[in-house]
Amino acid sequence: MFTTAGAKEDSLALEVYMAVLATLGVAAFASRSLFGNLLVRRRRYRVTAVNRLDEFAAGRADCHALAAAGSSGNAGPDLDETKPDAARVRDLVTNGKGVMPSFEDELTSREIADVAAFDSTSTGR
């Protein structure tokens, strides 16, 4: 089949090259699948965290007015007028007061701190 020794060596080199490419392709696919699954799980967690804050913000909009959040609720105090500091917001969101429920079981401490920081800075506090 081969007419010269060089052609036989070229054919062998091509077979080795193709085997190496196939091995690298399988390895790349396997690692991408493994790391891809880890990234998807991480994204799902972040989406869950964002949804909890979105749900909290939507509920707060029914109760409190806060121009920076685009909310105009009137069941609770107008945050633009009362201008609560971060410590006060953190305490109220964590523990609740009166008809306002506690959100300690629904939001993480970091999410509560983020809400407190947003509310206090948005009102100029």
PDB file of N, CA and C in Angstrom:
ATOM      1  N   MET A   1       0.810  -1.194   0.000  1.00  0.00           N
ATOM      2  CA  MET A   1       0.000   0.000   0.000  1.00  0.00           C
ATOM      3  C   MET A   1       0.857   1.263   0.000  1.00  0.00           C
ATOM      4  N   PHE A   2       1.930   1.299   0.823  1.00  0.00           N
ATOM      5  CA  PHE A   2       2.805   2.466   0.848  1.00  0.00           C
ATOM      6  C   PHE A   2       3.872   2.299  -0.221  1.00  0.00           C
ATOM      7  N   THR A   3       4.114   3.338  -0.955  1.00  0.00           N
ATOM      8  CA  THR A   3       5.094   3.265  -2.041  1.00  0.00           C
ATOM      9  C   THR A   3       6.489   3.623  -1.571  1.00  0.00           C
ATOM     10  N   THR A   4       6.581   4.405  -0.491  1.00  0.00           N
ATOM     11  CA  THR A   4       7.898   4.779   0.020  1.00  0.00           C
ATOM     12  C   THR A   4       7.900   4.668   1.540  1.00  0.00           C
ATOM     13  N   ALA A   5       9.068   4.588   2.116  1.00  0.00           N
ATOM     14  CA  ALA A   5       9.198   4.527   3.571  1.00  0.00           C
ATOM     15  C   ALA A   5       8.695   5.824   4.210  1.00  0.00           C
ATOM     16  N   GLY A   6       8.920   6.942   3.536  1.00  0.00           N
ATOM     17  CA  GLY A   6       8.472   8.234   4.056  1.00  0.00           C
ATOM     18  C   GLY A   6       6.959   8.314   4.178  1.00  0.00           C
ATOM     19  N   ALA A   7       6.248   7.720   3.212  1.00  0.00           N
ATOM     20  CA  ALA A   7       4.790   7.741   3.260  1.00  0.00           C
ATOM     21  C   ALA A   7       4.284   6.933   4.437  1.00  0.00           C
ATOM     22  N   LYS A   8       4.942   5.821   4.721  1.00  0.00           N
ATOM     23  CA  LYS A   8       4.546   4.991   5.857  1.00  0.00           C
ATOM     24  C   LYS A   8       4.771   5.755   7.174  1.00  0.00           C
ATOM     25  N   GLU A   9       5.881   6.451   7.308  1.00  0.00           N
ATOM     26  CA  GLU A   9       6.166   7.237   8.505  1.00  0.00           C
ATOM     27  C   GLU A   9       5.176   8.391   8.646  1.00  0.00           C
ATOM     28  N   ASP A  10       4.835   9.024   7.531  1.00  0.00           N
ATOM     29  CA  ASP A  10       3.855  10.116   7.564  1.00  0.00           C
ATOM     30  C   ASP A  10       2.489   9.606   8.016  1.00  0.00           C
ATOM     31  N   SER A  11       2.113   8.441   7.542  1.00  0.00           N
ATOM     32  CA  SER A  11       0.829   7.859   7.921  1.00  0.00           C
ATOM     33  C   SER A  11       0.806   7.538   9.409  1.00  0.00           C
ATOM     34  N   LEU A  12       1.896   6.986   9.940  1.00  0.00           N
ATOM     35  CA  LEU A  12       1.986   6.672  11.360  1.00  0.00           C
ATOM     36  C   LEU A  12       1.931   7.955  12.196  1.00  0.00           C
ATOM     37  N   ALA A  13       2.625   8.986  11.774  1.00  0.00           N
ATOM     38  CA  ALA A  13       2.598  10.269  12.478  1.00  0.00           C
ATOM     39  C   ALA A  13       1.198  10.853  12.483  1.00  0.00           C
ATOM     40  N   LEU A  14       0.489  10.716  11.359  1.00  0.00           N
ATOM     41  CA  LEU A  14      -0.886  11.216  11.279  1.00  0.00           C
ATOM     42  C   LEU A  14      -1.792  10.450  12.233  1.00  0.00           C
ATOM     43  N   GLU A  15      -1.638   9.138  12.335  1.00  0.00           N
ATOM     44  CA  GLU A  15      -2.453   8.335  13.250  1.00  0.00           C
ATOM     45  C   GLU A  15      -2.190   8.745  14.705  1.00  0.00           C
ATOM     46  N   VAL A  16      -0.939   8.947  15.064  1.00  0.00           N
ATOM     47  CA  VAL A  16      -0.595   9.375  16.424  1.00  0.00           C
ATOM     48  C   VAL A  16      -1.188  10.758  16.697  1.00  0.00           C
ATOM     49  N   TYR A  17      -1.063  11.653  15.748  1.00  0.00           N
ATOM     50  CA  TYR A  17      -1.608  13.011  15.881  1.00  0.00           C
ATOM     51  C   TYR A  17      -3.118  12.961  16.099  1.00  0.00           C
ATOM     52  N   MET A  18      -3.818  12.134  15.315  1.00  0.00           N
ATOM     53  CA  MET A  18      -5.280  12.028  15.439  1.00  0.00           C
ATOM     54  C   MET A  18      -5.661  11.414  16.790  1.00  0.00           C
ATOM     55  N   ALA A  19      -4.898  10.450  17.277  1.00  0.00           N
ATOM     56  CA  ALA A  19      -5.181   9.834  18.574  1.00  0.00           C
ATOM     57  C   ALA A  19      -5.012  10.853  19.701  1.00  0.00           C
ATOM     58  N   VAL A  20      -3.966  11.681  19.609  1.00  0.00           N
ATOM     59  CA  VAL A  20      -3.735  12.717  20.620  1.00  0.00           C
ATOM     60  C   VAL A  20      -4.868  13.740  20.598  1.00  0.00           C
ATOM     61  N   LEU A  21      -5.285  14.160  19.419  1.00  0.00           N
ATOM     62  CA  LEU A  21      -6.398  15.115  19.312  1.00  0.00           C
ATOM     63  C   LEU A  21      -7.681  14.541  19.898  1.00  0.00           C
ATOM     64  N   ALA A  22      -7.957  13.274  19.610  1.00  0.00           N
ATOM     65  CA  ALA A  22      -9.169  12.638  20.138  1.00  0.00           C
ATOM     66  C   ALA A  22      -9.118  12.581  21.662  1.00  0.00           C
ATOM     67  N   THR A  23      -7.959  12.240  22.221  1.00  0.00           N
ATOM     68  CA  THR A  23      -7.802  12.177  23.671  1.00  0.00           C
ATOM     69  C   THR A  23      -7.993  13.555  24.303  1.00  0.00           C
ATOM     70  N   LEU A  24      -7.399  14.570  23.704  1.00  0.00           N
ATOM     71  CA  LEU A  24      -7.563  15.925  24.217  1.00  0.00           C
ATOM     72  C   LEU A  24      -9.012  16.392  24.128  1.00  0.00           C
ATOM     73  N   GLY A  25      -9.690  16.025  23.064  1.00  0.00           N
ATOM     74  CA  GLY A  25     -11.096  16.394  22.910  1.00  0.00           C
ATOM     75  C   GLY A  25     -11.966  15.776  23.987  1.00  0.00           C
ATOM     76  N   VAL A  26     -11.736  14.496  24.269  1.00  0.00           N
ATOM     77  CA  VAL A  26     -12.508  13.817  25.319  1.00  0.00           C
ATOM     78  C   VAL A  26     -12.211  14.454  26.676  1.00  0.00           C
ATOM     79  N   ALA A  27     -10.939  14.739  26.942  1.00  0.00           N
ATOM     80  CA  ALA A  27     -10.563  15.358  28.219  1.00  0.00           C
ATOM     81  C   ALA A  27     -11.193  16.745  28.363  1.00  0.00           C
ATOM     82  N   ALA A  28     -11.176  17.516  27.300  1.00  0.00           N
ATOM     83  CA  ALA A  28     -11.765  18.860  27.345  1.00  0.00           C
ATOM     84  C   ALA A  28     -13.266  18.784  27.579  1.00  0.00           C
ATOM     85  N   PHE A  29     -13.923  17.855  26.916  1.00  0.00           N
ATOM     86  CA  PHE A  29     -15.375  17.696  27.083  1.00  0.00           C
ATOM     87  C   PHE A  29     -15.698  17.297  28.524  1.00  0.00           C
ATOM     88  N   ALA A  30     -14.932  16.341  29.063  1.00  0.00           N
ATOM     89  CA  ALA A  30     -15.182  15.873  30.428  1.00  0.00           C
ATOM     90  C   ALA A  30     -14.964  16.991  31.442  1.00  0.00           C
ATOM     91  N   SER A  31     -13.870  17.757  31.297  1.00  0.00           N
ATOM     92  CA  SER A  31     -13.619  18.825  32.262  1.00  0.00           C
ATOM     93  C   SER A  31     -14.638  19.947  32.127  1.00  0.00           C
ATOM     94  N   ARG A  32     -15.040  20.238  30.911  1.00  0.00           N
ATOM     95  CA  ARG A  32     -16.041  21.294  30.726  1.00  0.00           C
ATOM     96  C   ARG A  32     -17.370  20.867  31.327  1.00  0.00           C
ATOM     97  N   SER A  33     -17.726  19.610  31.178  1.00  0.00           N
ATOM     98  CA  SER A  33     -18.976  19.116  31.758  1.00  0.00           C
ATOM     99  C   SER A  33     -18.922  19.201  33.271  1.00  0.00           C
ATOM    100  N   LEU A  34     -17.793  18.788  33.856  1.00  0.00           N
ATOM    101  CA  LEU A  34     -17.654  18.823  35.303  1.00  0.00           C
ATOM    102  C   LEU A  34     -17.702  20.259  35.821  1.00  0.00           C
ATOM    103  N   PHE A  35     -16.869  21.141  35.267  1.00  0.00           N
ATOM    104  CA  PHE A  35     -16.840  22.522  35.728  1.00  0.00           C
ATOM    105  C   PHE A  35     -18.101  23.273  35.338  1.00  0.00           C
ATOM    106  N   GLY A  36     -18.680  22.919  34.204  1.00  0.00           N
ATOM    107  CA  GLY A  36     -19.931  23.545  33.794  1.00  0.00           C
ATOM    108  C   GLY A  36     -21.040  23.279  34.785  1.00  0.00           C
ATOM    109  N   ASN A  37     -21.111  22.047  35.296  1.00  0.00           N
ATOM    110  CA  ASN A  37     -22.132  21.718  36.294  1.00  0.00           C
ATOM    111  C   ASN A  37     -21.921  22.506  37.573  1.00  0.00           C
ATOM    112  N   LEU A  38     -20.677  22.692  37.973  1.00  0.00           N
ATOM    113  CA  LEU A  38     -20.413  23.482  39.171  1.00  0.00           C
ATOM    114  C   LEU A  38     -20.848  24.928  38.980  1.00  0.00           C
ATOM    115  N   LEU A  39     -20.604  25.489  37.804  1.00  0.00           N
ATOM    116  CA  LEU A  39     -20.988  26.869  37.537  1.00  0.00           C
ATOM    117  C   LEU A  39     -22.505  27.025  37.495  1.00  0.00           C
ATOM    118  N   VAL A  40     -23.192  26.044  36.934  1.00  0.00           N
ATOM    119  CA  VAL A  40     -24.654  26.111  36.882  1.00  0.00           C
ATOM    120  C   VAL A  40     -25.221  26.081  38.286  1.00  0.00           C
ATOM    121  N   ARG A  41     -24.668  25.218  39.141  1.00  0.00           N
ATOM    122  CA  ARG A  41     -25.152  25.178  40.522  1.00  0.00           C
ATOM    123  C   ARG A  41     -24.939  26.521  41.204  1.00  0.00           C
ATOM    124  N   ARG A  42     -23.790  27.135  40.974  1.00  0.00           N
ATOM    125  CA  ARG A  42     -23.517  28.431  41.589  1.00  0.00           C
ATOM    126  C   ARG A  42     -24.492  29.483  41.085  1.00  0.00           C
ATOM    127  N   ARG A  43     -24.759  29.475  39.800  1.00  0.00           N
ATOM    128  CA  ARG A  43     -25.716  30.444  39.250  1.00  0.00           C
ATOM    129  C   ARG A  43     -27.097  30.227  39.839  1.00  0.00           C
ATOM    130  N   ARG A  44     -27.498  28.975  40.018  1.00  0.00           N
ATOM    131  CA  ARG A  44     -28.818  28.712  40.599  1.00  0.00           C
ATOM    132  C   ARG A  44     -28.909  29.299  41.997  1.00  0.00           C
ATOM    133  N   TYR A  45     -27.848  29.170  42.802  1.00  0.00           N
ATOM    134  CA  TYR A  45     -27.871  29.736  44.143  1.00  0.00           C
ATOM    135  C   TYR A  45     -28.016  31.244  44.091  1.00  0.00           C
ATOM    136  N   ARG A  46     -27.273  31.864  43.204  1.00  0.00           N
ATOM    137  CA  ARG A  46     -27.357  33.319  43.112  1.00  0.00           C
ATOM    138  C   ARG A  46     -28.741  33.767  42.680  1.00  0.00           C
ATOM    139  N   VAL A  47     -29.343  33.051  41.762  1.00  0.00           N
ATOM    140  CA  VAL A  47     -30.691  33.397  41.326  1.00  0.00           C
ATOM    141  C   VAL A  47     -31.654  33.277  42.504  1.00  0.00           C
ATOM    142  N   THR A  48     -31.496  32.232  43.306  1.00  0.00           N
ATOM    143  CA  THR A  48     -32.356  32.055  44.475  1.00  0.00           C
ATOM    144  C   THR A  48     -32.207  33.238  45.423  1.00  0.00           C
ATOM    145  N   ALA A  49     -30.975  33.658  45.659  1.00  0.00           N
ATOM    146  CA  ALA A  49     -30.742  34.788  46.563  1.00  0.00           C
ATOM    147  C   ALA A  49     -31.380  36.061  46.011  1.00  0.00           C
ATOM    148  N   VAL A  50     -31.235  36.286  44.728  1.00  0.00           N
ATOM    149  CA  VAL A  50     -31.833  37.471  44.112  1.00  0.00           C
ATOM    150  C   VAL A  50     -33.350  37.397  44.217  1.00  0.00           C
ATOM    151  N   ASN A  51     -33.932  36.220  44.008  1.00  0.00           N
ATOM    152  CA  ASN A  51     -35.384  36.090  44.103  1.00  0.00           C
ATOM    153  C   ASN A  51     -35.881  36.404  45.510  1.00  0.00           C
ATOM    154  N   ARG A  52     -35.147  35.984  46.539  1.00  0.00           N
ATOM    155  CA  ARG A  52     -35.576  36.287  47.907  1.00  0.00           C
ATOM    156  C   ARG A  52     -35.587  37.798  48.127  1.00  0.00           C
ATOM    157  N   LEU A  53     -34.552  38.481  47.653  1.00  0.00           N
ATOM    158  CA  LEU A  53     -34.514  39.939  47.820  1.00  0.00           C
ATOM    159  C   LEU A  53     -35.579  40.616  46.976  1.00  0.00           C
ATOM    160  N   ASP A  54     -35.836  40.093  45.777  1.00  0.00           N
ATOM    161  CA  ASP A  54     -36.902  40.649  44.942  1.00  0.00           C
ATOM    162  C   ASP A  54     -38.254  40.499  45.621  1.00  0.00           C
ATOM    163  N   GLU A  55     -38.503  39.324  46.215  1.00  0.00           N
ATOM    164  CA  GLU A  55     -39.767  39.099  46.913  1.00  0.00           C
ATOM    165  C   GLU A  55     -39.884  40.033  48.112  1.00  0.00           C
ATOM    166  N   PHE A  56     -38.784  40.209  48.829  1.00  0.00           N
ATOM    167  CA  PHE A  56     -38.796  41.124  49.973  1.00  0.00           C
ATOM    168  C   PHE A  56     -39.092  42.547  49.514  1.00  0.00           C
ATOM    169  N   ALA A  57     -38.418  42.970  48.451  1.00  0.00           N
ATOM    170  CA  ALA A  57     -38.620  44.330  47.936  1.00  0.00           C
ATOM    171  C   ALA A  57     -40.050  44.526  47.452  1.00  0.00           C
ATOM    172  N   ALA A  58     -40.609  43.517  46.810  1.00  0.00           N
ATOM    173  CA  ALA A  58     -41.991  43.628  46.326  1.00  0.00           C
ATOM    174  C   ALA A  58     -42.959  43.748  47.500  1.00  0.00           C
ATOM    175  N   GLY A  59     -42.724  42.974  48.555  1.00  0.00           N
ATOM    176  CA  GLY A  59     -43.577  43.054  49.740  1.00  0.00           C
ATOM    177  C   GLY A  59     -43.420  44.382  50.451  1.00  0.00           C
ATOM    178  N   ARG A  60     -42.195  44.877  50.508  1.00  0.00           N
ATOM    179  CA  ARG A  60     -41.950  46.157  51.167  1.00  0.00           C
ATOM    180  C   ARG A  60     -42.618  47.290  50.406  1.00  0.00           C
ATOM    181  N   ALA A  61     -42.669  47.188  49.093  1.00  0.00           N
ATOM    182  CA  ALA A  61     -43.278  48.250  48.281  1.00  0.00           C
ATOM    183  C   ALA A  61     -44.746  48.439  48.638  1.00  0.00           C
ATOM    184  N   ASP A  62     -45.399  47.379  49.098  1.00  0.00           N
ATOM    185  CA  ASP A  62     -46.804  47.487  49.516  1.00  0.00           C
ATOM    186  C   ASP A  62     -46.942  48.188  50.855  1.00  0.00           C
ATOM    187  N   CYS A  63     -45.861  48.162  51.646  1.00  0.00           N
ATOM    188  CA  CYS A  63     -45.943  48.685  53.013  1.00  0.00           C
ATOM    189  C   CYS A  63     -45.276  50.042  53.216  1.00  0.00           C
ATOM    190  N   HIS A  64     -44.170  50.296  52.529  1.00  0.00           N
ATOM    191  CA  HIS A  64     -43.384  51.503  52.791  1.00  0.00           C
ATOM    192  C   HIS A  64     -43.130  52.295  51.517  1.00  0.00           C
ATOM    193  N   ALA A  65     -43.114  53.601  51.652  1.00  0.00           N
ATOM    194  CA  ALA A  65     -42.702  54.473  50.548  1.00  0.00           C
ATOM    195  C   ALA A  65     -41.193  54.649  50.636  1.00  0.00           C
ATOM    196  N   LEU A  66     -40.537  54.488  49.498  1.00  0.00           N
ATOM    197  CA  LEU A  66     -39.094  54.720  49.387  1.00  0.00           C
ATOM    198  C   LEU A  66     -38.829  55.055  47.928  1.00  0.00           C
ATOM    199  N   ALA A  67     -38.570  56.324  47.669  1.00  0.00           N
ATOM    200  CA  ALA A  67     -38.426  56.795  46.287  1.00  0.00           C
ATOM    201  C   ALA A  67     -37.357  56.024  45.518  1.00  0.00           C
ATOM    202  N   ALA A  68     -36.213  55.742  46.156  1.00  0.00           N
ATOM    203  CA  ALA A  68     -35.117  55.052  45.471  1.00  0.00           C
ATOM    204  C   ALA A  68     -35.502  53.649  45.032  1.00  0.00           C
ATOM    205  N   ALA A  69     -36.456  53.046  45.722  1.00  0.00           N
ATOM    206  CA  ALA A  69     -36.916  51.699  45.373  1.00  0.00           C
ATOM    207  C   ALA A  69     -38.159  51.751  44.498  1.00  0.00           C
ATOM    208  N   GLY A  70     -38.663  52.948  44.247  1.00  0.00           N
ATOM    209  CA  GLY A  70     -39.867  53.079  43.426  1.00  0.00           C
ATOM    210  C   GLY A  70     -41.115  52.572  44.128  1.00  0.00           C
ATOM    211  N   SER A  71     -41.120  52.604  45.454  1.00  0.00           N
ATOM    212  CA  SER A  71     -42.276  52.096  46.201  1.00  0.00           C
ATOM    213  C   SER A  71     -43.042  53.244  46.856  1.00  0.00           C
ATOM    214  N   SER A  72     -44.351  53.036  46.952  1.00  0.00           N
ATOM    215  CA  SER A  72     -45.197  54.098  47.514  1.00  0.00           C
ATOM    216  C   SER A  72     -46.231  53.555  48.491  1.00  0.00           C
ATOM    217  N   GLY A  73     -45.904  52.430  49.132  1.00  0.00           N
ATOM    218  CA  GLY A  73     -46.845  51.842  50.091  1.00  0.00           C
ATOM    219  C   GLY A  73     -47.110  52.775  51.257  1.00  0.00           C
ATOM    220  N   ASN A  74     -48.263  52.582  51.897  1.00  0.00           N
ATOM    221  CA  ASN A  74     -48.608  53.458  53.016  1.00  0.00           C
ATOM    222  C   ASN A  74     -49.075  52.697  54.250  1.00  0.00           C
ATOM    223  N   ALA A  75     -48.887  51.402  54.306  1.00  0.00           N
ATOM    224  CA  ALA A  75     -49.267  50.628  55.491  1.00  0.00           C
ATOM    225  C   ALA A  75     -48.274  50.853  56.632  1.00  0.00           C
ATOM    226  N   GLY A  76     -47.025  51.169  56.275  1.00  0.00           N
ATOM    227  CA  GLY A  76     -45.992  51.431  57.274  1.00  0.00           C
ATOM    228  C   GLY A  76     -45.431  52.819  57.071  1.00  0.00           C
ATOM    229  N   PRO A  77     -44.435  53.170  57.851  1.00  0.00           N
ATOM    230  CA  PRO A  77     -43.840  54.510  57.752  1.00  0.00           C
ATOM    231  C   PRO A  77     -43.226  54.788  56.378  1.00  0.00           C
ATOM    232  N   ASP A  78     -43.249  56.030  55.988  1.00  0.00           N
ATOM    233  CA  ASP A  78     -42.584  56.492  54.765  1.00  0.00           C
ATOM    234  C   ASP A  78     -41.098  56.594  55.087  1.00  0.00           C
ATOM    235  N   LEU A  79     -40.295  55.740  54.458  1.00  0.00           N
ATOM    236  CA  LEU A  79     -38.866  55.693  54.780  1.00  0.00           C
ATOM    237  C   LEU A  79     -38.133  56.952  54.340  1.00  0.00           C
ATOM    238  N   ASP A  80     -38.644  57.632  53.324  1.00  0.00           N
ATOM    239  CA  ASP A  80     -38.024  58.888  52.904  1.00  0.00           C
ATOM    240  C   ASP A  80     -38.199  59.968  53.970  1.00  0.00           C
ATOM    241  N   GLU A  81     -39.266  59.901  54.719  1.00  0.00           N
ATOM    242  CA  GLU A  81     -39.509  60.887  55.781  1.00  0.00           C
ATOM    243  C   GLU A  81     -38.819  60.517  57.087  1.00  0.00           C
ATOM    244  N   THR A  82     -38.905  59.227  57.459  1.00  0.00           N
ATOM    245  CA  THR A  82     -38.339  58.817  58.754  1.00  0.00           C
ATOM    246  C   THR A  82     -36.822  58.668  58.714  1.00  0.00           C
ATOM    247  N   LYS A  83     -36.265  58.438  57.527  1.00  0.00           N
ATOM    248  CA  LYS A  83     -34.809  58.320  57.320  1.00  0.00           C
ATOM    249  C   LYS A  83     -34.133  57.439  58.374  1.00  0.00           C
ATOM    250  N   PRO A  84     -34.508  56.161  58.438  1.00  0.00           N
ATOM    251  CA  PRO A  84     -33.894  55.290  59.455  1.00  0.00           C
ATOM    252  C   PRO A  84     -32.422  55.014  59.128  1.00  0.00           C
ATOM    253  N   ASP A  85     -31.609  54.888  60.190  1.00  0.00           N
ATOM    254  CA  ASP A  85     -30.208  54.534  59.956  1.00  0.00           C
ATOM    255  C   ASP A  85     -30.104  53.016  59.751  1.00  0.00           C
ATOM    256  N   ALA A  86     -28.936  52.556  59.326  1.00  0.00           N
ATOM    257  CA  ALA A  86     -28.750  51.145  58.979  1.00  0.00           C
ATOM    258  C   ALA A  86     -29.017  50.218  60.163  1.00  0.00           C
ATOM    259  N   ALA A  87     -28.596  50.619  61.354  1.00  0.00           N
ATOM    260  CA  ALA A  87     -28.810  49.778  62.534  1.00  0.00           C
ATOM    261  C   ALA A  87     -30.300  49.591  62.813  1.00  0.00           C
ATOM    262  N   ARG A  88     -31.067  50.658  62.651  1.00  0.00           N
ATOM    263  CA  ARG A  88     -32.528  50.588  62.887  1.00  0.00           C
ATOM    264  C   ARG A  88     -33.195  49.678  61.858  1.00  0.00           C
ATOM    265  N   VAL A  89     -32.824  49.832  60.593  1.00  0.00           N
ATOM    266  CA  VAL A  89     -33.410  48.987  59.545  1.00  0.00           C
ATOM    267  C   VAL A  89     -33.051  47.527  59.795  1.00  0.00           C
ATOM    268  N   ARG A  90     -31.773  47.269  60.109  1.00  0.00           N
ATOM    269  CA  ARG A  90     -31.327  45.900  60.372  1.00  0.00           C
ATOM    270  C   ARG A  90     -32.132  45.281  61.515  1.00  0.00           C
ATOM    271  N   ASP A  91     -32.341  46.043  62.595  1.00  0.00           N
ATOM    272  CA  ASP A  91     -33.100  45.541  63.738  1.00  0.00           C
ATOM    273  C   ASP A  91     -34.547  45.241  63.360  1.00  0.00           C
ATOM    274  N   LEU A  92     -35.190  46.156  62.640  1.00  0.00           N
ATOM    275  CA  LEU A  92     -36.598  45.964  62.280  1.00  0.00           C
ATOM    276  C   LEU A  92     -36.796  44.818  61.286  1.00  0.00           C
ATOM    277  N   VAL A  93     -35.891  44.704  60.306  1.00  0.00           N
ATOM    278  CA  VAL A  93     -36.024  43.621  59.331  1.00  0.00           C
ATOM    279  C   VAL A  93     -35.751  42.272  60.002  1.00  0.00           C
ATOM    280  N   THR A  94     -34.806  42.250  60.921  1.00  0.00           N
ATOM    281  CA  THR A  94     -34.463  41.003  61.614  1.00  0.00           C
ATOM    282  C   THR A  94     -35.539  40.590  62.613  1.00  0.00           C
ATOM    283  N   ASN A  95     -36.006  41.533  63.426  1.00  0.00           N
ATOM    284  CA  ASN A  95     -36.906  41.200  64.538  1.00  0.00           C
ATOM    285  C   ASN A  95     -38.368  41.546  64.309  1.00  0.00           C
ATOM    286  N   GLY A  96     -38.652  42.431  63.355  1.00  0.00           N
ATOM    287  CA  GLY A  96     -40.021  42.884  63.160  1.00  0.00           C
ATOM    288  C   GLY A  96     -40.450  43.805  64.288  1.00  0.00           C
ATOM    289  N   LYS A  97     -41.619  44.415  64.119  1.00  0.00           N
ATOM    290  CA  LYS A  97     -42.186  45.269  65.170  1.00  0.00           C
ATOM    291  C   LYS A  97     -43.631  45.558  64.817  1.00  0.00           C
ATOM    292  N   GLY A  98     -44.517  45.431  65.794  1.00  0.00           N
ATOM    293  CA  GLY A  98     -45.936  45.670  65.537  1.00  0.00           C
ATOM    294  C   GLY A  98     -46.451  44.716  64.460  1.00  0.00           C
ATOM    295  N   VAL A  99     -47.039  45.277  63.407  1.00  0.00           N
ATOM    296  CA  VAL A  99     -47.565  44.440  62.337  1.00  0.00           C
ATOM    297  C   VAL A  99     -46.481  44.006  61.337  1.00  0.00           C
ATOM    298  N   MET A 100     -45.286  44.599  61.444  1.00  0.00           N
ATOM    299  CA  MET A 100     -44.201  44.204  60.546  1.00  0.00           C
ATOM    300  C   MET A 100     -43.588  42.900  61.041  1.00  0.00           C
ATOM    301  N   PRO A 101     -43.587  41.869  60.183  1.00  0.00           N
ATOM    302  CA  PRO A 101     -43.026  40.579  60.604  1.00  0.00           C
ATOM    303  C   PRO A 101     -41.496  40.576  60.571  1.00  0.00           C
ATOM    304  N   SER A 102     -40.924  39.612  61.242  1.00  0.00           N
ATOM    305  CA  SER A 102     -39.482  39.391  61.187  1.00  0.00           C
ATOM    306  C   SER A 102     -39.147  38.674  59.878  1.00  0.00           C
ATOM    307  N   PHE A 103     -38.022  39.034  59.295  1.00  0.00           N
ATOM    308  CA  PHE A 103     -37.562  38.368  58.073  1.00  0.00           C
ATOM    309  C   PHE A 103     -36.286  37.570  58.337  1.00  0.00           C
ATOM    310  N   GLU A 104     -35.990  37.337  59.609  1.00  0.00           N
ATOM    311  CA  GLU A 104     -34.774  36.630  59.998  1.00  0.00           C
ATOM    312  C   GLU A 104     -34.693  35.229  59.399  1.00  0.00           C
ATOM    313  N   ASP A 105     -35.825  34.553  59.253  1.00  0.00           N
ATOM    314  CA  ASP A 105     -35.833  33.191  58.706  1.00  0.00           C
ATOM    315  C   ASP A 105     -35.897  33.171  57.183  1.00  0.00           C
ATOM    316  N   GLU A 106     -36.164  34.312  56.575  1.00  0.00           N
ATOM    317  CA  GLU A 106     -36.319  34.360  55.118  1.00  0.00           C
ATOM    318  C   GLU A 106     -35.113  34.964  54.403  1.00  0.00           C
ATOM    319  N   LEU A 107     -34.366  35.828  55.071  1.00  0.00           N
ATOM    320  CA  LEU A 107     -33.195  36.470  54.476  1.00  0.00           C
ATOM    321  C   LEU A 107     -31.955  36.130  55.291  1.00  0.00           C
ATOM    322  N   THR A 108     -30.827  36.045  54.619  1.00  0.00           N
ATOM    323  CA  THR A 108     -29.568  35.814  55.332  1.00  0.00           C
ATOM    324  C   THR A 108     -29.153  37.107  56.022  1.00  0.00           C
ATOM    325  N   SER A 109     -28.220  36.999  56.941  1.00  0.00           N
ATOM    326  CA  SER A 109     -27.743  38.207  57.631  1.00  0.00           C
ATOM    327  C   SER A 109     -27.093  39.168  56.634  1.00  0.00           C
ATOM    328  N   ARG A 110     -26.444  38.642  55.608  1.00  0.00           N
ATOM    329  CA  ARG A 110     -25.824  39.496  54.577  1.00  0.00           C
ATOM    330  C   ARG A 110     -26.911  40.232  53.782  1.00  0.00           C
ATOM    331  N   GLU A 111     -27.993  39.535  53.446  1.00  0.00           N
ATOM    332  CA  GLU A 111     -29.081  40.178  52.705  1.00  0.00           C
ATOM    333  C   GLU A 111     -29.747  41.256  53.552  1.00  0.00           C
ATOM    334  N   ILE A 112     -29.912  40.988  54.832  1.00  0.00           N
ATOM    335  CA  ILE A 112     -30.493  41.993  55.735  1.00  0.00           C
ATOM    336  C   ILE A 112     -29.573  43.209  55.819  1.00  0.00           C
ATOM    337  N   ALA A 113     -28.268  42.969  55.901  1.00  0.00           N
ATOM    338  CA  ALA A 113     -27.304  44.079  55.935  1.00  0.00           C
ATOM    339  C   ALA A 113     -27.362  44.882  54.633  1.00  0.00           C
ATOM    340  N   ASP A 114     -27.542  44.194  53.500  1.00  0.00           N
ATOM    341  CA  ASP A 114     -27.652  44.889  52.213  1.00  0.00           C
ATOM    342  C   ASP A 114     -28.910  45.757  52.162  1.00  0.00           C
ATOM    343  N   VAL A 115     -30.019  45.235  52.658  1.00  0.00           N
ATOM    344  CA  VAL A 115     -31.266  46.006  52.698  1.00  0.00           C
ATOM    345  C   VAL A 115     -31.079  47.237  53.593  1.00  0.00           C
ATOM    346  N   ALA A 116     -30.459  47.028  54.751  1.00  0.00           N
ATOM    347  CA  ALA A 116     -30.238  48.139  55.685  1.00  0.00           C
ATOM    348  C   ALA A 116     -29.345  49.213  55.068  1.00  0.00           C
ATOM    349  N   ALA A 117     -28.305  48.790  54.392  1.00  0.00           N
ATOM    350  CA  ALA A 117     -27.394  49.757  53.755  1.00  0.00           C
ATOM    351  C   ALA A 117     -28.118  50.521  52.648  1.00  0.00           C
ATOM    352  N   PHE A 118     -28.895  49.814  51.844  1.00  0.00           N
ATOM    353  CA  PHE A 118     -29.626  50.470  50.755  1.00  0.00           C
ATOM    354  C   PHE A 118     -30.620  51.483  51.313  1.00  0.00           C
ATOM    355  N   ASP A 119     -31.418  51.046  52.273  1.00  0.00           N
ATOM    356  CA  ASP A 119     -32.448  51.945  52.830  1.00  0.00           C
ATOM    357  C   ASP A 119     -31.827  53.185  53.470  1.00  0.00           C
ATOM    358  N   SER A 120     -30.782  52.980  54.263  1.00  0.00           N
ATOM    359  CA  SER A 120     -30.210  54.129  54.975  1.00  0.00           C
ATOM    360  C   SER A 120     -29.491  55.089  54.023  1.00  0.00           C
ATOM    361  N   THR A 121     -28.791  54.580  53.040  1.00  0.00           N
ATOM    362  CA  THR A 121     -28.112  55.488  52.110  1.00  0.00           C
ATOM    363  C   THR A 121     -29.082  56.119  51.132  1.00  0.00           C
ATOM    364  N   SER A 122     -30.138  55.420  50.791  1.00  0.00           N
ATOM    365  CA  SER A 122     -31.123  55.964  49.826  1.00  0.00           C
ATOM    366  C   SER A 122     -31.907  57.127  50.404  1.00  0.00           C
ATOM    367  N   THR A 123     -32.008  57.177  51.725  1.00  0.00           N
ATOM    368  CA  THR A 123     -32.761  58.259  52.353  1.00  0.00           C
ATOM    369  C   THR A 123     -31.837  59.382  52.806  1.00  0.00           C
ATOM    370  N   GLY A 124     -30.556  59.288  52.481  1.00  0.00           N
ATOM    371  CA  GLY A 124     -29.608  60.326  52.833  1.00  0.00           C
ATOM    372  C   GLY A 124     -29.102  60.219  54.248  1.00  0.00           C
ATOM    373  N   ARG A 125     -29.242  59.096  54.844  1.00  0.00           N
ATOM    374  CA  ARG A 125     -28.817  58.893  56.231  1.00  0.00           C
ATOM    375  C   ARG A 125     -27.363  58.535  56.300  1.00  0.00           C
TER     376      ARG A 125
END
